[in-house]
Amino acid sequence: LIDLELDKAANKASVNVGETFIYTITVTNEGPD
């Protein structure tokens, strides 16, 4: 039995065309296995 949690966030709320930014995805296994 597993309990996977996924979160996704961007490091900026708004950007201009041509700018770079980062998406971060985090997956956590809350178990119990």
PDB file of all heavy atoms in Angstrom:
ATOM      1  N   LEU A   1       0.856  -1.178   0.000  1.00  0.00           N
ATOM      2  CA  LEU A   1       0.000   0.000   0.000  1.00  0.00           C
ATOM      3  C   LEU A   1       0.894   1.230   0.000  1.00  0.00           C
ATOM      4  O   LEU A   1       1.826   1.328   0.789  1.00  0.00           O
ATOM      5  CB  LEU A   1      -0.890   0.016   1.251  1.00  0.00           C
ATOM      6  CG  LEU A   1      -1.925  -1.085   1.348  1.00  0.00           C
ATOM      7  CD1 LEU A   1      -2.632  -1.022   2.696  1.00  0.00           C
ATOM      8  CD2 LEU A   1      -2.926  -0.969   0.216  1.00  0.00           C
ATOM      9  N   ILE A   2       0.599   2.162  -0.915  1.00  0.00           N
ATOM     10  CA  ILE A   2       1.376   3.390  -1.012  1.00  0.00           C
ATOM     11  C   ILE A   2       0.441   4.583  -1.044  1.00  0.00           C
ATOM     12  O   ILE A   2      -0.752   4.443  -1.335  1.00  0.00           O
ATOM     13  CB  ILE A   2       2.274   3.399  -2.268  1.00  0.00           C
ATOM     14  CG1 ILE A   2       1.414   3.305  -3.537  1.00  0.00           C
ATOM     15  CG2 ILE A   2       3.296   2.280  -2.216  1.00  0.00           C
ATOM     16  CD1 ILE A   2       2.182   3.547  -4.812  1.00  0.00           C
ATOM     17  N   ASP A   3       0.980   5.731  -0.719  1.00  0.00           N
ATOM     18  CA  ASP A   3       0.230   6.985  -0.802  1.00  0.00           C
ATOM     19  C   ASP A   3       1.172   8.013  -1.407  1.00  0.00           C
ATOM     20  O   ASP A   3       2.009   8.587  -0.716  1.00  0.00           O
ATOM     21  CB  ASP A   3      -0.237   7.419   0.592  1.00  0.00           C
ATOM     22  CG  ASP A   3      -1.040   8.719   0.562  1.00  0.00           C
ATOM     23  OD1 ASP A   3      -1.387   9.188  -0.546  1.00  0.00           O
ATOM     24  OD2 ASP A   3      -1.317   9.255   1.640  1.00  0.00           O
ATOM     25  N   LEU A   4       1.063   8.205  -2.730  1.00  0.00           N
ATOM     26  CA  LEU A   4       1.926   9.154  -3.417  1.00  0.00           C
ATOM     27  C   LEU A   4       1.247  10.517  -3.476  1.00  0.00           C
ATOM     28  O   LEU A   4       0.076  10.617  -3.821  1.00  0.00           O
ATOM     29  CB  LEU A   4       2.231   8.680  -4.846  1.00  0.00           C
ATOM     30  CG  LEU A   4       2.984   7.354  -4.961  1.00  0.00           C
ATOM     31  CD1 LEU A   4       3.161   6.969  -6.419  1.00  0.00           C
ATOM     32  CD2 LEU A   4       4.326   7.434  -4.256  1.00  0.00           C
ATOM     33  N   GLU A   5       2.009  11.556  -3.131  1.00  0.00           N
ATOM     34  CA  GLU A   5       1.520  12.932  -3.211  1.00  0.00           C
ATOM     35  C   GLU A   5       2.381  13.684  -4.208  1.00  0.00           C
ATOM     36  O   GLU A   5       3.608  13.586  -4.173  1.00  0.00           O
ATOM     37  CB  GLU A   5       1.592  13.604  -1.844  1.00  0.00           C
ATOM     38  CG  GLU A   5       0.646  13.002  -0.844  1.00  0.00           C
ATOM     39  CD  GLU A   5       0.678  13.728   0.499  1.00  0.00           C
ATOM     40  OE1 GLU A   5       1.338  14.781   0.609  1.00  0.00           O
ATOM     41  OE2 GLU A   5       0.052  13.222   1.424  1.00  0.00           O
ATOM     42  N   LEU A   6       1.741  14.445  -5.105  1.00  0.00           N
ATOM     43  CA  LEU A   6       2.447  15.212  -6.121  1.00  0.00           C
ATOM     44  C   LEU A   6       2.123  16.688  -5.958  1.00  0.00           C
ATOM     45  O   LEU A   6       0.961  17.061  -5.795  1.00  0.00           O
ATOM     46  CB  LEU A   6       2.046  14.745  -7.519  1.00  0.00           C
ATOM     47  CG  LEU A   6       2.787  15.407  -8.679  1.00  0.00           C
ATOM     48  CD1 LEU A   6       3.064  14.391  -9.772  1.00  0.00           C
ATOM     49  CD2 LEU A   6       2.033  16.589  -9.235  1.00  0.00           C
ATOM     50  N   ASP A   7       3.168  17.515  -6.009  1.00  0.00           N
ATOM     51  CA  ASP A   7       3.012  18.969  -5.985  1.00  0.00           C
ATOM     52  C   ASP A   7       3.783  19.537  -7.163  1.00  0.00           C
ATOM     53  O   ASP A   7       4.881  19.066  -7.479  1.00  0.00           O
ATOM     54  CB  ASP A   7       3.566  19.569  -4.682  1.00  0.00           C
ATOM     55  CG  ASP A   7       2.746  19.190  -3.466  1.00  0.00           C
ATOM     56  OD1 ASP A   7       1.531  19.409  -3.489  1.00  0.00           O
ATOM     57  OD2 ASP A   7       3.341  18.658  -2.506  1.00  0.00           O
ATOM     58  N   LYS A   8       3.204  20.556  -7.801  1.00  0.00           N
ATOM     59  CA  LYS A   8       3.874  21.236  -8.912  1.00  0.00           C
ATOM     60  C   LYS A   8       3.748  22.729  -8.702  1.00  0.00           C
ATOM     61  O   LYS A   8       2.674  23.232  -8.369  1.00  0.00           O
ATOM     62  CB  LYS A   8       3.257  20.843 -10.252  1.00  0.00           C
ATOM     63  CG  LYS A   8       3.962  21.497 -11.441  1.00  0.00           C
ATOM     64  CD  LYS A   8       3.404  21.026 -12.760  1.00  0.00           C
ATOM     65  CE  LYS A   8       4.136  21.703 -13.907  1.00  0.00           C
ATOM     66  NZ  LYS A   8       3.649  21.220 -15.210  1.00  0.00           N
ATOM     67  N   ALA A   9       4.861  23.447  -8.895  1.00  0.00           N
ATOM     68  CA  ALA A   9       4.857  24.896  -8.720  1.00  0.00           C
ATOM     69  C   ALA A   9       5.806  25.528  -9.722  1.00  0.00           C
ATOM     70  O   ALA A   9       6.786  24.909 -10.152  1.00  0.00           O
ATOM     71  CB  ALA A   9       5.282  25.257  -7.298  1.00  0.00           C
ATOM     72  N   ALA A  10       5.520  26.779 -10.068  1.00  0.00           N
ATOM     73  CA  ALA A  10       6.418  27.581 -10.895  1.00  0.00           C
ATOM     74  C   ALA A  10       7.140  28.555  -9.975  1.00  0.00           C
ATOM     75  O   ALA A  10       6.589  28.997  -8.968  1.00  0.00           O
ATOM     76  CB  ALA A  10       5.634  28.333 -11.955  1.00  0.00           C
ATOM     77  N   ASN A  11       8.372  28.898 -10.317  1.00  0.00           N
ATOM     78  CA  ASN A  11       9.137  29.795  -9.450  1.00  0.00           C
ATOM     79  C   ASN A  11       8.816  31.269  -9.679  1.00  0.00           C
ATOM     80  O   ASN A  11       9.309  32.130  -8.953  1.00  0.00           O
ATOM     81  CB  ASN A  11      10.640  29.550  -9.586  1.00  0.00           C
ATOM     82  CG  ASN A  11      11.201  30.025 -10.917  1.00  0.00           C
ATOM     83  OD1 ASN A  11      10.503  30.017 -11.929  1.00  0.00           O
ATOM     84  ND2 ASN A  11      12.465  30.401 -10.924  1.00  0.00           N
ATOM     85  N   LYS A  12       7.983  31.587 -10.674  1.00  0.00           N
ATOM     86  CA  LYS A  12       7.568  32.971 -10.937  1.00  0.00           C
ATOM     87  C   LYS A  12       6.075  33.000 -11.235  1.00  0.00           C
ATOM     88  O   LYS A  12       5.537  32.082 -11.838  1.00  0.00           O
ATOM     89  CB  LYS A  12       8.338  33.553 -12.118  1.00  0.00           C
ATOM     90  CG  LYS A  12       9.837  33.659 -11.893  1.00  0.00           C
ATOM     91  CD  LYS A  12      10.531  34.242 -13.097  1.00  0.00           C
ATOM     92  CE  LYS A  12      12.033  34.305 -12.868  1.00  0.00           C
ATOM     93  NZ  LYS A  12      12.742  34.822 -14.053  1.00  0.00           N
ATOM     94  N   ALA A  13       5.430  34.085 -10.818  1.00  0.00           N
ATOM     95  CA  ALA A  13       3.994  34.224 -11.064  1.00  0.00           C
ATOM     96  C   ALA A  13       3.703  34.788 -12.448  1.00  0.00           C
ATOM     97  O   ALA A  13       2.644  34.538 -13.020  1.00  0.00           O
ATOM     98  CB  ALA A  13       3.355  35.114 -10.000  1.00  0.00           C
ATOM     99  N   SER A  14       4.636  35.573 -12.987  1.00  0.00           N
ATOM    100  CA  SER A  14       4.470  36.082 -14.352  1.00  0.00           C
ATOM    101  C   SER A  14       5.852  36.326 -14.948  1.00  0.00           C
ATOM    102  O   SER A  14       6.812  36.627 -14.228  1.00  0.00           O
ATOM    103  CB  SER A  14       3.637  37.368 -14.362  1.00  0.00           C
ATOM    104  OG  SER A  14       4.319  38.405 -13.688  1.00  0.00           O
ATOM    105  N   VAL A  15       5.946  36.152 -16.246  1.00  0.00           N
ATOM    106  CA  VAL A  15       7.204  36.357 -16.967  1.00  0.00           C
ATOM    107  C   VAL A  15       6.904  37.044 -18.282  1.00  0.00           C
ATOM    108  O   VAL A  15       5.766  37.037 -18.763  1.00  0.00           O
ATOM    109  CB  VAL A  15       7.951  35.025 -17.239  1.00  0.00           C
ATOM    110  CG1 VAL A  15       8.370  34.354 -15.953  1.00  0.00           C
ATOM    111  CG2 VAL A  15       7.115  34.098 -18.088  1.00  0.00           C
ATOM    112  N   ASN A  16       7.941  37.622 -18.896  1.00  0.00           N
ATOM    113  CA  ASN A  16       7.825  38.203 -20.228  1.00  0.00           C
ATOM    114  C   ASN A  16       8.176  37.142 -21.261  1.00  0.00           C
ATOM    115  O   ASN A  16       8.932  36.195 -20.977  1.00  0.00           O
ATOM    116  CB  ASN A  16       8.778  39.390 -20.382  1.00  0.00           C
ATOM    117  CG  ASN A  16       8.391  40.536 -19.476  1.00  0.00           C
ATOM    118  OD1 ASN A  16       7.218  40.867 -19.333  1.00  0.00           O
ATOM    119  ND2 ASN A  16       9.391  41.158 -18.859  1.00  0.00           N
ATOM    120  N   VAL A  17       7.645  37.313 -22.466  1.00  0.00           N
ATOM    121  CA  VAL A  17       7.988  36.414 -23.557  1.00  0.00           C
ATOM    122  C   VAL A  17       9.512  36.436 -23.715  1.00  0.00           C
ATOM    123  O   VAL A  17      10.146  37.491 -23.687  1.00  0.00           O
ATOM    124  CB  VAL A  17       7.283  36.837 -24.863  1.00  0.00           C
ATOM    125  CG1 VAL A  17       7.800  36.027 -26.043  1.00  0.00           C
ATOM    126  CG2 VAL A  17       5.776  36.681 -24.738  1.00  0.00           C
ATOM    127  N   GLY A  18      10.103  35.253 -23.815  1.00  0.00           N
ATOM    128  CA  GLY A  18      11.544  35.121 -23.957  1.00  0.00           C
ATOM    129  C   GLY A  18      12.266  34.844 -22.652  1.00  0.00           C
ATOM    130  O   GLY A  18      13.428  34.444 -22.658  1.00  0.00           O
ATOM    131  N   GLU A  19      11.610  35.064 -21.522  1.00  0.00           N
ATOM    132  CA  GLU A  19      12.226  34.796 -20.221  1.00  0.00           C
ATOM    133  C   GLU A  19      12.109  33.317 -19.877  1.00  0.00           C
ATOM    134  O   GLU A  19      11.164  32.637 -20.290  1.00  0.00           O
ATOM    135  CB  GLU A  19      11.561  35.611 -19.116  1.00  0.00           C
ATOM    136  CG  GLU A  19      11.920  37.060 -19.122  1.00  0.00           C
ATOM    137  CD  GLU A  19      11.329  37.786 -17.904  1.00  0.00           C
ATOM    138  OE1 GLU A  19      10.184  37.499 -17.528  1.00  0.00           O
ATOM    139  OE2 GLU A  19      12.031  38.630 -17.355  1.00  0.00           O
ATOM    140  N   THR A  20      13.066  32.864 -19.089  1.00  0.00           N
ATOM    141  CA  THR A  20      13.013  31.489 -18.605  1.00  0.00           C
ATOM    142  C   THR A  20      12.484  31.465 -17.172  1.00  0.00           C
ATOM    143  O   THR A  20      12.600  32.445 -16.445  1.00  0.00           O
ATOM    144  CB  THR A  20      14.402  30.816 -18.656  1.00  0.00           C
ATOM    145  OG1 THR A  20      15.290  31.549 -17.829  1.00  0.00           O
ATOM    146  CG2 THR A  20      14.926  30.732 -20.073  1.00  0.00           C
ATOM    147  N   PHE A  21      11.917  30.346 -16.822  1.00  0.00           N
ATOM    148  CA  PHE A  21      11.462  30.100 -15.454  1.00  0.00           C
ATOM    149  C   PHE A  21      11.494  28.605 -15.223  1.00  0.00           C
ATOM    150  O   PHE A  21      11.800  27.833 -16.132  1.00  0.00           O
ATOM    151  CB  PHE A  21      10.079  30.715 -15.181  1.00  0.00           C
ATOM    152  CG  PHE A  21       8.964  30.156 -16.022  1.00  0.00           C
ATOM    153  CD1 PHE A  21       8.149  29.142 -15.544  1.00  0.00           C
ATOM    154  CD2 PHE A  21       8.716  30.662 -17.300  1.00  0.00           C
ATOM    155  CE1 PHE A  21       7.118  28.639 -16.309  1.00  0.00           C
ATOM    156  CE2 PHE A  21       7.680  30.159 -18.065  1.00  0.00           C
ATOM    157  CZ  PHE A  21       6.891  29.144 -17.578  1.00  0.00           C
ATOM    158  N   ILE A  22      11.184  28.200 -14.003  1.00  0.00           N
ATOM    159  CA  ILE A  22      11.340  26.800 -13.614  1.00  0.00           C
ATOM    160  C   ILE A  22      10.035  26.244 -13.046  1.00  0.00           C
ATOM    161  O   ILE A  22       9.402  26.870 -12.197  1.00  0.00           O
ATOM    162  CB  ILE A  22      12.446  26.652 -12.550  1.00  0.00           C
ATOM    163  CG1 ILE A  22      13.784  27.137 -13.103  1.00  0.00           C
ATOM    164  CG2 ILE A  22      12.552  25.209 -12.057  1.00  0.00           C
ATOM    165  CD1 ILE A  22      14.869  27.248 -12.049  1.00  0.00           C
ATOM    166  N   TYR A  23       9.670  25.071 -13.537  1.00  0.00           N
ATOM    167  CA  TYR A  23       8.620  24.271 -12.902  1.00  0.00           C
ATOM    168  C   TYR A  23       9.321  23.262 -11.990  1.00  0.00           C
ATOM    169  O   TYR A  23      10.304  22.634 -12.394  1.00  0.00           O
ATOM    170  CB  TYR A  23       7.799  23.479 -13.931  1.00  0.00           C
ATOM    171  CG  TYR A  23       6.829  24.291 -14.741  1.00  0.00           C
ATOM    172  CD1 TYR A  23       6.967  24.376 -16.124  1.00  0.00           C
ATOM    173  CD2 TYR A  23       5.757  24.942 -14.141  1.00  0.00           C
ATOM    174  CE1 TYR A  23       6.059  25.095 -16.891  1.00  0.00           C
ATOM    175  CE2 TYR A  23       4.854  25.675 -14.897  1.00  0.00           C
ATOM    176  CZ  TYR A  23       5.007  25.739 -16.270  1.00  0.00           C
ATOM    177  OH  TYR A  23       4.113  26.460 -17.024  1.00  0.00           O
ATOM    178  N   THR A  24       8.807  23.089 -10.791  1.00  0.00           N
ATOM    179  CA  THR A  24       9.336  22.071  -9.882  1.00  0.00           C
ATOM    180  C   THR A  24       8.208  21.110  -9.534  1.00  0.00           C
ATOM    181  O   THR A  24       7.135  21.530  -9.092  1.00  0.00           O
ATOM    182  CB  THR A  24       9.898  22.706  -8.592  1.00  0.00           C
ATOM    183  OG1 THR A  24      10.936  23.621  -8.957  1.00  0.00           O
ATOM    184  CG2 THR A  24      10.458  21.642  -7.660  1.00  0.00           C
ATOM    185  N   ILE A  25       8.460  19.835  -9.752  1.00  0.00           N
ATOM    186  CA  ILE A  25       7.495  18.782  -9.416  1.00  0.00           C
ATOM    187  C   ILE A  25       8.112  17.943  -8.309  1.00  0.00           C
ATOM    188  O   ILE A  25       9.254  17.498  -8.419  1.00  0.00           O
ATOM    189  CB  ILE A  25       7.172  17.899 -10.629  1.00  0.00           C
ATOM    190  CG1 ILE A  25       6.617  18.753 -11.770  1.00  0.00           C
ATOM    191  CG2 ILE A  25       6.193  16.792 -10.247  1.00  0.00           C
ATOM    192  CD1 ILE A  25       6.471  18.000 -13.080  1.00  0.00           C
ATOM    193  N   THR A  26       7.342  17.731  -7.260  1.00  0.00           N
ATOM    194  CA  THR A  26       7.806  16.935  -6.127  1.00  0.00           C
ATOM    195  C   THR A  26       6.823  15.801  -5.890  1.00  0.00           C
ATOM    196  O   THR A  26       5.612  16.024  -5.814  1.00  0.00           O
ATOM    197  CB  THR A  26       7.910  17.803  -4.854  1.00  0.00           C
ATOM    198  OG1 THR A  26       8.754  18.910  -5.131  1.00  0.00           O
ATOM    199  CG2 THR A  26       8.480  17.012  -3.692  1.00  0.00           C
ATOM    200  N   VAL A  27       7.343  14.589  -5.783  1.00  0.00           N
ATOM    201  CA  VAL A  27       6.529  13.413  -5.469  1.00  0.00           C
ATOM    202  C   VAL A  27       7.041  12.837  -4.152  1.00  0.00           C
ATOM    203  O   VAL A  27       8.236  12.592  -3.998  1.00  0.00           O
ATOM    204  CB  VAL A  27       6.599  12.344  -6.577  1.00  0.00           C
ATOM    205  CG1 VAL A  27       5.800  11.107  -6.195  1.00  0.00           C
ATOM    206  CG2 VAL A  27       6.108  12.910  -7.898  1.00  0.00           C
ATOM    207  N   THR A  28       6.117  12.631  -3.205  1.00  0.00           N
ATOM    208  CA  THR A  28       6.451  12.091  -1.891  1.00  0.00           C
ATOM    209  C   THR A  28       5.679  10.800  -1.675  1.00  0.00           C
ATOM    210  O   THR A  28       4.479  10.740  -1.961  1.00  0.00           O
ATOM    211  CB  THR A  28       6.088  13.099  -0.782  1.00  0.00           C
ATOM    212  OG1 THR A  28       6.721  14.339  -1.059  1.00  0.00           O
ATOM    213  CG2 THR A  28       6.503  12.596   0.583  1.00  0.00           C
ATOM    214  N   ASN A  29       6.351   9.780  -1.152  1.00  0.00           N
ATOM    215  CA  ASN A  29       5.686   8.525  -0.808  1.00  0.00           C
ATOM    216  C   ASN A  29       5.391   8.542   0.690  1.00  0.00           C
ATOM    217  O   ASN A  29       6.289   8.413   1.502  1.00  0.00           O
ATOM    218  CB  ASN A  29       6.551   7.316  -1.165  1.00  0.00           C
ATOM    219  CG  ASN A  29       5.865   6.002  -0.825  1.00  0.00           C
ATOM    220  OD1 ASN A  29       4.706   5.978  -0.405  1.00  0.00           O
ATOM    221  ND2 ASN A  29       6.576   4.911  -0.990  1.00  0.00           N
ATOM    222  N   GLU A  30       4.121   8.683   1.036  1.00  0.00           N
ATOM    223  CA  GLU A  30       3.695   8.712   2.440  1.00  0.00           C
ATOM    224  C   GLU A  30       3.527   7.305   3.025  1.00  0.00           C
ATOM    225  O   GLU A  30       3.122   7.173   4.165  1.00  0.00           O
ATOM    226  CB  GLU A  30       2.383   9.494   2.568  1.00  0.00           C
ATOM    227  CG  GLU A  30       2.484  10.957   2.158  1.00  0.00           C
ATOM    228  CD  GLU A  30       3.341  11.776   3.088  1.00  0.00           C
ATOM    229  OE1 GLU A  30       3.479  11.405   4.257  1.00  0.00           O
ATOM    230  OE2 GLU A  30       3.894  12.794   2.638  1.00  0.00           O
ATOM    231  N   GLY A  31       3.792   6.269   2.203  1.00  0.00           N
ATOM    232  CA  GLY A  31       3.758   4.894   2.708  1.00  0.00           C
ATOM    233  C   GLY A  31       2.357   4.307   2.777  1.00  0.00           C
ATOM    234  O   GLY A  31       1.453   4.800   2.145  1.00  0.00           O
ATOM    235  N   PRO A  32       2.200   3.235   3.469  1.00  0.00           N
ATOM    236  CA  PRO A  32       3.112   2.639   4.441  1.00  0.00           C
ATOM    237  C   PRO A  32       4.180   1.730   3.822  1.00  0.00           C
ATOM    238  O   PRO A  32       5.031   1.226   4.538  1.00  0.00           O
ATOM    239  CB  PRO A  32       2.178   1.833   5.336  1.00  0.00           C
ATOM    240  CG  PRO A  32       1.067   1.425   4.447  1.00  0.00           C
ATOM    241  CD  PRO A  32       0.884   2.582   3.500  1.00  0.00           C
ATOM    242  N   ASP A  33       4.137   1.514   2.496  1.00  0.00           N
ATOM    243  CA  ASP A  33       5.123   0.644   1.863  1.00  0.00           C
ATOM    244  C   ASP A  33       5.910   1.417   0.807  1.00  0.00           C
ATOM    245  O   ASP A  33       5.494   2.495   0.365  1.00  0.00           O
ATOM    246  CB  ASP A  33       4.437  -0.565   1.196  1.00  0.00           C
ATOM    247  CG  ASP A  33       3.776  -1.500   2.199  1.00  0.00           C
ATOM    248  OD1 ASP A  33       4.436  -1.830   3.196  1.00  0.00           O
ATOM    249  OD2 ASP A  33       2.615  -1.889   1.984  1.00  0.00           O
TER     250      ASP A  33
END
